[in-house]
C-alpha atoms as a PDB file:
ATOM      1  CA  MET A   1      -0.065   0.310   0.062  1.00  0.00           C
ATOM      2  CA  GLN A   2       1.047   3.362  -0.857  1.00  0.00           C
ATOM      3  CA  GLY A   3      -0.227   7.219   0.289  1.00  0.00           C
ATOM      4  CA  ARG A   4       0.530  10.037  -0.897  1.00  0.00           C
ATOM      5  CA  ILE A   5       3.048  12.090   1.501  1.00  0.00           C
ATOM      6  CA  HIS A   6       3.229  16.136   1.270  1.00  0.00           C
ATOM      7  CA  SER A   7       6.297  16.115   3.297  1.00  0.00           C
ATOM      8  CA  LEU A   8       8.227  15.038   5.820  1.00  0.00           C
ATOM      9  CA  GLU A   9      10.277  16.585   8.636  1.00  0.00           C
ATOM     10  CA  SER A  10      12.946  15.058  10.360  1.00  0.00           C
ATOM     11  CA  PHE A  11      12.794  17.226  13.476  1.00  0.00           C
ATOM     12  CA  GLY A  12       9.700  17.997  14.880  1.00  0.00           C
ATOM     13  CA  THR A  13       9.418  19.138  18.459  1.00  0.00           C
ATOM     14  CA  VAL A  14       6.034  20.693  18.579  1.00  0.00           C
ATOM     15  CA  ASP A  15       3.920  18.020  17.225  1.00  0.00           C
ATOM     16  CA  GLY A  16       3.781  15.707  20.505  1.00  0.00           C
ATOM     17  CA  PRO A  17       5.986  14.899  23.374  1.00  0.00           C
ATOM     18  CA  GLY A  18       9.948  14.220  22.322  1.00  0.00           C
ATOM     19  CA  VAL A  19      11.258  14.708  19.364  1.00  0.00           C
ATOM     20  CA  ARG A  20       9.019  13.541  16.090  1.00  0.00           C
ATOM     21  CA  TYR A  21       9.637  12.570  12.682  1.00  0.00           C
ATOM     22  CA  VAL A  22       6.841  13.910  11.245  1.00  0.00           C
ATOM     23  CA  VAL A  23       4.517  12.866   8.153  1.00  0.00           C
ATOM     24  CA  PHE A  24       2.740  15.234   6.650  1.00  0.00           C
ATOM     25  CA  PHE A  25      -0.280  13.732   4.690  1.00  0.00           C
ATOM     26  CA  GLN A  26      -2.316  15.288   1.533  1.00  0.00           C
ATOM     27  CA  GLY A  27      -5.425  15.775   1.256  1.00  0.00           C
ATOM     28  CA  CYS A  28      -8.260  17.601   3.304  1.00  0.00           C
ATOM     29  CA  PRO A  29     -11.711  18.412   3.671  1.00  0.00           C
ATOM     30  CA  MET A  30     -11.546  21.430   5.932  1.00  0.00           C
ATOM     31  CA  ARG A  31     -11.463  24.856   4.074  1.00  0.00           C
ATOM     32  CA  CYS A  32     -10.595  26.776   7.797  1.00  0.00           C
ATOM     33  CA  GLN A  33      -9.567  30.355   6.927  1.00  0.00           C
ATOM     34  CA  TYR A  34      -6.535  30.565   8.877  1.00  0.00           C
ATOM     35  CA  CYS A  35      -5.204  27.371   6.771  1.00  0.00           C
ATOM     36  CA  HIS A  36      -1.424  27.918   6.677  1.00  0.00           C
ATOM     37  CA  ASN A  37      -0.794  24.527   4.887  1.00  0.00           C
ATOM     38  CA  PRO A  38      -3.431  25.332   1.900  1.00  0.00           C
ATOM     39  CA  ASP A  39      -0.203  23.263  -0.350  1.00  0.00           C
ATOM     40  CA  THR A  40      -1.767  19.812   1.502  1.00  0.00           C
ATOM     41  CA  TRP A  41      -5.872  20.468   0.528  1.00  0.00           C
ATOM     42  CA  ASN A  42      -5.599  18.404  -3.057  1.00  0.00           C
ATOM     43  CA  PRO A  43      -5.717  14.829  -2.484  1.00  0.00           C
ATOM     44  CA  ASN A  44      -4.649  13.622  -5.372  1.00  0.00           C
ATOM     45  CA  GLY A  45      -0.979  15.683  -4.241  1.00  0.00           C
ATOM     46  CA  GLY A  46       1.991  15.058  -2.771  1.00  0.00           C
ATOM     47  CA  THR A  47       4.416  11.873  -3.291  1.00  0.00           C
ATOM     48  CA  LEU A  48       3.762   8.308  -3.423  1.00  0.00           C
ATOM     49  CA  MET A  49       5.429   6.527  -0.146  1.00  0.00           C
ATOM     50  CA  SER A  50       4.719   2.852   1.020  1.00  0.00           C
ATOM     51  CA  ALA A  51       5.089   2.846   5.111  1.00  0.00           C
ATOM     52  CA  GLU A  52       7.906   0.986   4.799  1.00  0.00           C
ATOM     53  CA  GLU A  53       9.992   3.827   3.329  1.00  0.00           C
ATOM     54  CA  ILE A  54       8.023   6.165   5.902  1.00  0.00           C
ATOM     55  CA  ILE A  55      10.005   4.069   8.829  1.00  0.00           C
ATOM     56  CA  GLU A  56      13.426   3.339   7.112  1.00  0.00           C
ATOM     57  CA  LYS A  57      13.961   7.171   6.884  1.00  0.00           C
ATOM     58  CA  PHE A  58      12.950   7.062  10.775  1.00  0.00           C
ATOM     59  CA  THR A  59      15.068   4.508  11.390  1.00  0.00           C
ATOM     60  CA  ARG A  60      17.898   5.888   9.796  1.00  0.00           C
ATOM     61  CA  ASN A  61      18.371   8.429  12.970  1.00  0.00           C
ATOM     62  CA  ARG A  62      16.277   6.938  15.506  1.00  0.00           C
ATOM     63  CA  ALA A  63      18.824   8.086  18.262  1.00  0.00           C
ATOM     64  CA  PHE A  64      17.376  11.807  17.781  1.00  0.00           C
ATOM     65  CA  TYR A  65      13.846  10.053  18.604  1.00  0.00           C
ATOM     66  CA  LYS A  66      14.666   8.119  21.666  1.00  0.00           C
ATOM     67  CA  SER A  67      11.421  10.259  23.773  1.00  0.00           C
ATOM     68  CA  GLY A  68       9.539  11.035  20.988  1.00  0.00           C
ATOM     69  CA  GLY A  69       8.120   9.069  17.844  1.00  0.00           C
ATOM     70  CA  ILE A  70       6.086   9.375  14.772  1.00  0.00           C
ATOM     71  CA  THR A  71       3.409  11.865  13.931  1.00  0.00           C
ATOM     72  CA  ALA A  72       0.731  11.947  11.506  1.00  0.00           C
ATOM     73  CA  THR A  73      -0.859  15.397  10.470  1.00  0.00           C
ATOM     74  CA  GLY A  74      -1.455  17.227   7.127  1.00  0.00           C
ATOM     75  CA  GLY A  75      -3.320  18.003   5.908  1.00  0.00           C
ATOM     76  CA  GLU A  76      -6.276  15.278   7.266  1.00  0.00           C
ATOM     77  CA  PRO A  77      -4.251  12.063   7.973  1.00  0.00           C
ATOM     78  CA  MET A  78      -7.657  10.266   8.222  1.00  0.00           C
ATOM     79  CA  LEU A  79      -8.409  10.676   5.020  1.00  0.00           C
ATOM     80  CA  GLN A  80      -6.162   8.300   3.529  1.00  0.00           C
ATOM     81  CA  ILE A  81      -7.224   6.180   7.112  1.00  0.00           C
ATOM     82  CA  ASP A  82      -5.826   2.605   5.749  1.00  0.00           C
ATOM     83  CA  PHE A  83      -1.985   3.387   4.823  1.00  0.00           C
ATOM     84  CA  LEU A  84      -2.255   5.911   7.650  1.00  0.00           C
ATOM     85  CA  THR A  85      -3.628   2.617   9.951  1.00  0.00           C
ATOM     86  CA  GLU A  86      -0.677   0.446   8.166  1.00  0.00           C
ATOM     87  CA  LEU A  87       2.350   3.169   8.789  1.00  0.00           C
ATOM     88  CA  PHE A  88       1.185   3.256  12.602  1.00  0.00           C
ATOM     89  CA  THR A  89       0.770  -0.391  12.528  1.00  0.00           C
ATOM     90  CA  LEU A  90       4.512  -1.220  11.470  1.00  0.00           C
ATOM     91  CA  ALA A  91       5.431   1.203  13.635  1.00  0.00           C
ATOM     92  CA  LYS A  92       4.556  -0.397  16.683  1.00  0.00           C
ATOM     93  CA  GLU A  93       5.949  -3.428  15.353  1.00  0.00           C
ATOM     94  CA  ASN A  94       9.132  -1.615  15.591  1.00  0.00           C
ATOM     95  CA  ASP A  95       8.539  -0.073  19.028  1.00  0.00           C
ATOM     96  CA  ILE A  96       7.398   3.635  17.983  1.00  0.00           C
ATOM     97  CA  HIS A  97       5.513   5.909  19.623  1.00  0.00           C
ATOM     98  CA  THR A  98       2.656   6.930  17.268  1.00  0.00           C
ATOM     99  CA  CYS A  99       0.818  10.513  17.789  1.00  0.00           C
ATOM    100  CA  LEU A 100      -2.466  11.718  15.293  1.00  0.00           C
ATOM    101  CA  ASP A 101      -2.660  15.106  14.775  1.00  0.00           C
ATOM    102  CA  THR A 102      -6.123  15.465  13.127  1.00  0.00           C
ATOM    103  CA  SER A 103      -9.279  17.442  12.807  1.00  0.00           C
ATOM    104  CA  GLY A 104     -11.693  14.770  13.592  1.00  0.00           C
ATOM    105  CA  ILE A 105     -13.819  15.571  10.330  1.00  0.00           C
ATOM    106  CA  VAL A 106     -13.480  12.274   9.432  1.00  0.00           C
ATOM    107  CA  PHE A 107     -15.336  10.548  12.286  1.00  0.00           C
ATOM    108  CA  SER A 108     -18.345   9.668  11.211  1.00  0.00           C
ATOM    109  CA  PRO A 109     -20.313   7.168  14.373  1.00  0.00           C
ATOM    110  CA  GLY A 110     -23.259   5.996  12.045  1.00  0.00           C
ATOM    111  CA  ASN A 111     -20.317   4.884   9.341  1.00  0.00           C
ATOM    112  CA  LYS A 112     -20.445   0.872   9.658  1.00  0.00           C
ATOM    113  CA  ASP A 113     -17.655   0.520   7.173  1.00  0.00           C
ATOM    114  CA  LEU A 114     -15.805   3.250   8.600  1.00  0.00           C
ATOM    115  CA  MET A 115     -15.773   2.711  12.378  1.00  0.00           C
ATOM    116  CA  PRO A 116     -14.333  -0.834  12.149  1.00  0.00           C
ATOM    117  CA  LYS A 117     -11.335   1.181  10.270  1.00  0.00           C
ATOM    118  CA  ILE A 118     -11.711   3.615  13.240  1.00  0.00           C
ATOM    119  CA  ASP A 119     -11.184   1.366  16.197  1.00  0.00           C
ATOM    120  CA  ALA A 120      -8.083  -0.373  14.273  1.00  0.00           C
ATOM    121  CA  LEU A 121      -6.451   2.730  14.007  1.00  0.00           C
ATOM    122  CA  LEU A 122      -7.181   3.694  17.398  1.00  0.00           C
ATOM    123  CA  ARG A 123      -5.480   0.620  19.016  1.00  0.00           C
ATOM    124  CA  VAL A 124      -1.983   1.552  17.018  1.00  0.00           C
ATOM    125  CA  THR A 125      -2.368   5.060  18.007  1.00  0.00           C
ATOM    126  CA  ASP A 126      -0.612   6.119  21.435  1.00  0.00           C
ATOM    127  CA  LEU A 127      -1.890   9.572  21.729  1.00  0.00           C
ATOM    128  CA  VAL A 128      -4.704  11.938  19.471  1.00  0.00           C
ATOM    129  CA  MET A 129      -3.719  15.559  19.667  1.00  0.00           C
ATOM    130  CA  LEU A 130      -7.033  17.147  18.786  1.00  0.00           C
ATOM    131  CA  ASP A 131      -8.021  20.628  16.735  1.00  0.00           C
ATOM    132  CA  ILE A 132     -10.524  22.725  18.354  1.00  0.00           C
ATOM    133  CA  LYS A 133     -11.603  24.843  15.647  1.00  0.00           C
ATOM    134  CA  HIS A 134     -14.232  26.601  17.300  1.00  0.00           C
ATOM    135  CA  MET A 135     -17.124  25.714  20.307  1.00  0.00           C
ATOM    136  CA  ASP A 136     -19.770  27.153  18.291  1.00  0.00           C
ATOM    137  CA  GLU A 137     -21.237  25.020  15.541  1.00  0.00           C
ATOM    138  CA  ASP A 138     -22.241  27.504  13.524  1.00  0.00           C
ATOM    139  CA  SER A 139     -19.182  29.867  14.024  1.00  0.00           C
ATOM    140  CA  HIS A 140     -17.514  26.381  13.074  1.00  0.00           C
ATOM    141  CA  GLN A 141     -19.294  26.560   9.633  1.00  0.00           C
ATOM    142  CA  LYS A 142     -18.507  29.580   8.767  1.00  0.00           C
ATOM    143  CA  LEU A 143     -14.657  29.686  10.210  1.00  0.00           C
ATOM    144  CA  THR A 144     -13.994  25.723   8.552  1.00  0.00           C
ATOM    145  CA  SER A 145     -16.352  25.278   6.061  1.00  0.00           C
ATOM    146  CA  GLN A 146     -17.862  22.045   7.872  1.00  0.00           C
ATOM    147  CA  SER A 147     -19.663  21.206  10.823  1.00  0.00           C
ATOM    148  CA  GLY A 148     -17.746  20.666  13.927  1.00  0.00           C
ATOM    149  CA  LYS A 149     -20.565  17.797  15.254  1.00  0.00           C
ATOM    150  CA  GLY A 150     -18.297  14.954  14.196  1.00  0.00           C
ATOM    151  CA  ILE A 151     -15.354  16.528  15.651  1.00  0.00           C
ATOM    152  CA  ARG A 152     -17.125  16.703  19.284  1.00  0.00           C
ATOM    153  CA  ALA A 153     -18.029  13.066  18.308  1.00  0.00           C
ATOM    154  CA  PHE A 154     -14.580  11.567  17.624  1.00  0.00           C
ATOM    155  CA  ALA A 155     -13.497  13.267  21.323  1.00  0.00           C
ATOM    156  CA  ASP A 156     -16.491  11.877  23.344  1.00  0.00           C
ATOM    157  CA  TYR A 157     -15.359   8.271  21.233  1.00  0.00           C
ATOM    158  CA  LEU A 158     -11.513   9.340  22.424  1.00  0.00           C
ATOM    159  CA  GLU A 159     -12.503   9.662  25.865  1.00  0.00           C
ATOM    160  CA  GLU A 160     -15.042   6.173  25.577  1.00  0.00           C
ATOM    161  CA  LYS A 161     -11.949   4.325  24.503  1.00  0.00           C
ATOM    162  CA  GLN A 162      -9.460   5.551  26.521  1.00  0.00           C
ATOM    163  CA  ILE A 163      -6.848   6.868  24.301  1.00  0.00           C
ATOM    164  CA  PRO A 164      -4.831   9.780  25.702  1.00  0.00           C
ATOM    165  CA  MET A 165      -5.216  13.108  24.037  1.00  0.00           C
ATOM    166  CA  TRP A 166      -4.273  16.433  23.502  1.00  0.00           C
ATOM    167  CA  LEU A 167      -6.599  19.709  22.878  1.00  0.00           C
ATOM    168  CA  ARG A 168      -5.321  22.487  20.743  1.00  0.00           C
ATOM    169  CA  HIS A 169      -7.342  25.543  19.607  1.00  0.00           C
ATOM    170  CA  VAL A 170      -5.911  28.264  17.544  1.00  0.00           C
ATOM    171  CA  ILE A 171      -7.011  31.778  18.633  1.00  0.00           C
ATOM    172  CA  VAL A 172      -8.124  34.257  15.868  1.00  0.00           C
ATOM    173  CA  PRO A 173      -8.682  37.712  16.859  1.00  0.00           C
ATOM    174  CA  GLY A 174     -12.531  38.250  15.716  1.00  0.00           C
ATOM    175  CA  PHE A 175     -12.996  34.534  15.918  1.00  0.00           C
ATOM    176  CA  THR A 176     -12.255  32.630  18.501  1.00  0.00           C
ATOM    177  CA  TYR A 177     -10.480  35.289  20.647  1.00  0.00           C
ATOM    178  CA  ASP A 178     -13.550  35.492  22.669  1.00  0.00           C
ATOM    179  CA  GLU A 179     -14.420  35.182  26.087  1.00  0.00           C
ATOM    180  CA  ALA A 180     -18.041  32.773  25.467  1.00  0.00           C
ATOM    181  CA  GLU A 181     -15.485  30.537  23.210  1.00  0.00           C
ATOM    182  CA  LEU A 182     -12.360  30.385  25.635  1.00  0.00           C
ATOM    183  CA  THR A 183     -14.838  29.457  28.176  1.00  0.00           C
ATOM    184  CA  SER A 184     -16.691  27.054  26.258  1.00  0.00           C
ATOM    185  CA  PHE A 185     -13.330  25.698  25.094  1.00  0.00           C
ATOM    186  CA  ALA A 186     -12.546  25.727  29.091  1.00  0.00           C
ATOM    187  CA  ASN A 187     -15.256  23.742  29.872  1.00  0.00           C
ATOM    188  CA  PHE A 188     -15.139  21.100  27.370  1.00  0.00           C
ATOM    189  CA  VAL A 189     -11.303  20.616  28.012  1.00  0.00           C
ATOM    190  CA  LYS A 190     -12.500  20.307  31.568  1.00  0.00           C
ATOM    191  CA  SER A 191     -15.432  17.595  31.197  1.00  0.00           C
ATOM    192  CA  LYS A 192     -12.713  14.986  29.240  1.00  0.00           C
ATOM    193  CA  HIS A 193     -10.968  12.954  31.669  1.00  0.00           C
ATOM    194  CA  ASN A 194      -8.476  11.413  29.346  1.00  0.00           C
ATOM    195  CA  VAL A 195      -7.153  15.072  28.054  1.00  0.00           C
ATOM    196  CA  GLU A 196      -3.369  14.846  28.895  1.00  0.00           C
ATOM    197  CA  LYS A 197      -2.631  18.941  27.997  1.00  0.00           C
ATOM    198  CA  TYR A 198      -4.022  21.392  26.088  1.00  0.00           C
ATOM    199  CA  GLU A 199      -3.018  24.235  23.956  1.00  0.00           C
ATOM    200  CA  LEU A 200      -3.823  27.527  22.672  1.00  0.00           C
ATOM    201  CA  LEU A 201      -2.176  28.218  19.816  1.00  0.00           C
ATOM    202  CA  PRO A 202      -1.700  32.007  18.614  1.00  0.00           C
ATOM    203  CA  TYR A 203      -2.852  32.969  15.071  1.00  0.00           C
ATOM    204  CA  HIS A 204      -0.426  33.935  12.817  1.00  0.00           C
ATOM    205  CA  THR A 205       0.131  35.232   9.375  1.00  0.00           C
ATOM    206  CA  MET A 206       3.061  33.112   7.979  1.00  0.00           C
ATOM    207  CA  GLY A 207       0.965  31.483   5.077  1.00  0.00           C
ATOM    208  CA  VAL A 208       0.498  34.093   3.431  1.00  0.00           C
ATOM    209  CA  VAL A 209       2.615  33.592   0.971  1.00  0.00           C
ATOM    210  CA  LYS A 210       1.754  30.136   0.218  1.00  0.00           C
ATOM    211  CA  TYR A 211      -1.684  31.443  -0.451  1.00  0.00           C
ATOM    212  CA  GLU A 212      -0.460  34.180  -3.189  1.00  0.00           C
ATOM    213  CA  ASN A 213       2.088  31.405  -5.128  1.00  0.00           C
ATOM    214  CA  LEU A 214      -0.884  29.059  -5.090  1.00  0.00           C
ATOM    215  CA  GLY A 215      -3.133  31.746  -6.815  1.00  0.00           C
ATOM    216  CA  LEU A 216      -5.641  32.011  -3.625  1.00  0.00           C
ATOM    217  CA  SER A 217      -6.853  34.947  -1.821  1.00  0.00           C
ATOM    218  CA  TYR A 218      -6.053  34.916   1.654  1.00  0.00           C
ATOM    219  CA  PRO A 219      -9.388  34.875   3.725  1.00  0.00           C
ATOM    220  CA  LEU A 220      -7.888  36.805   6.555  1.00  0.00           C
ATOM    221  CA  LYS A 221      -6.132  39.226   4.826  1.00  0.00           C
ATOM    222  CA  ASP A 222      -6.971  42.277   7.580  1.00  0.00           C
ATOM    223  CA  VAL A 223      -6.561  39.806  10.371  1.00  0.00           C
ATOM    224  CA  CYS A 224      -3.671  40.855  12.386  1.00  0.00           C
ATOM    225  CA  ALA A 225      -1.236  37.965  14.244  1.00  0.00           C
ATOM    226  CA  LEU A 226      -2.542  37.539  18.047  1.00  0.00           C
ATOM    227  CA  SER A 227      -0.120  39.581  20.223  1.00  0.00           C
ATOM    228  CA  LYS A 228       1.904  37.904  23.668  1.00  0.00           C
ATOM    229  CA  GLU A 229      -0.563  40.255  25.511  1.00  0.00           C
ATOM    230  CA  GLU A 230      -3.954  38.597  23.848  1.00  0.00           C
ATOM    231  CA  LEU A 231      -2.646  34.956  24.375  1.00  0.00           C
ATOM    232  CA  GLN A 232      -1.672  35.452  27.548  1.00  0.00           C
ATOM    233  CA  LYS A 233      -4.918  36.621  28.417  1.00  0.00           C
ATOM    234  CA  ALA A 234      -6.558  33.831  26.971  1.00  0.00           C
ATOM    235  CA  GLN A 235      -4.412  31.233  28.767  1.00  0.00           C
ATOM    236  CA  THR A 236      -5.093  32.771  32.303  1.00  0.00           C
ATOM    237  CA  LEU A 237      -8.434  32.786  31.084  1.00  0.00           C
ATOM    238  CA  VAL A 238      -8.458  29.055  30.090  1.00  0.00           C
ATOM    239  CA  ASP A 239      -6.591  27.999  33.006  1.00  0.00           C
ATOM    240  CA  SER A 240      -8.691  29.570  35.736  1.00  0.00           C
ATOM    241  CA  ILE A 241     -11.453  27.647  34.588  1.00  0.00           C
ATOM    242  CA  VAL A 242      -9.936  24.120  33.809  1.00  0.00           C
ATOM    243  CA  ASN A 243      -8.568  24.355  36.954  1.00  0.00           C
ATOM    244  CA  SER A 244     -10.883  25.883  39.034  1.00  0.00           C
END
């Protein structure tokens, strides 16, 4: 089996515990207005690679990853769930820690064909980093062009299956930099017993150049990057609720 891979990063330090070998999967159904990887959207792009090739590349520098492992990100890795499961299965056979960085958008509890595949994937997944785009359903659809209901259901499912989870939330001025939204996110974090860590990520504009190179209009061109002071204010609010 081969998967479509956008790129590989050999020294990831913000993609899970320890130093990670990061595999960027090609293809994503979401159109987040602040996406900084629009070049991963096309499911037919990227380079075809086998799981064995990826594990071999990891193994060459395995000493660097003794406290880390492999992280699958994207794009949306679960769009290629069969290949992703094969990669993680091979990783576990080689005693490699596996981390899935996902939006959870693929999750569909009513899909009888998909759910056994998700269960098989989770059996070889050590950690899920779940991106929460927006807690409010209408705002989620405006921000990403997709419903957030399946994402929240995936978080519930991960808790049910007792899969360790990190929650991440990008703080965007005018969108998620909002007291009601931050409070809702904090209460969501607090409600999940399998959350090991939560992160507030500041919105930045580093992806603008990619849009220009692809001939795309950047949706948030008038939105300024989140300041350190604004991030700290958001962090203080969320921490106070989670730890109360």
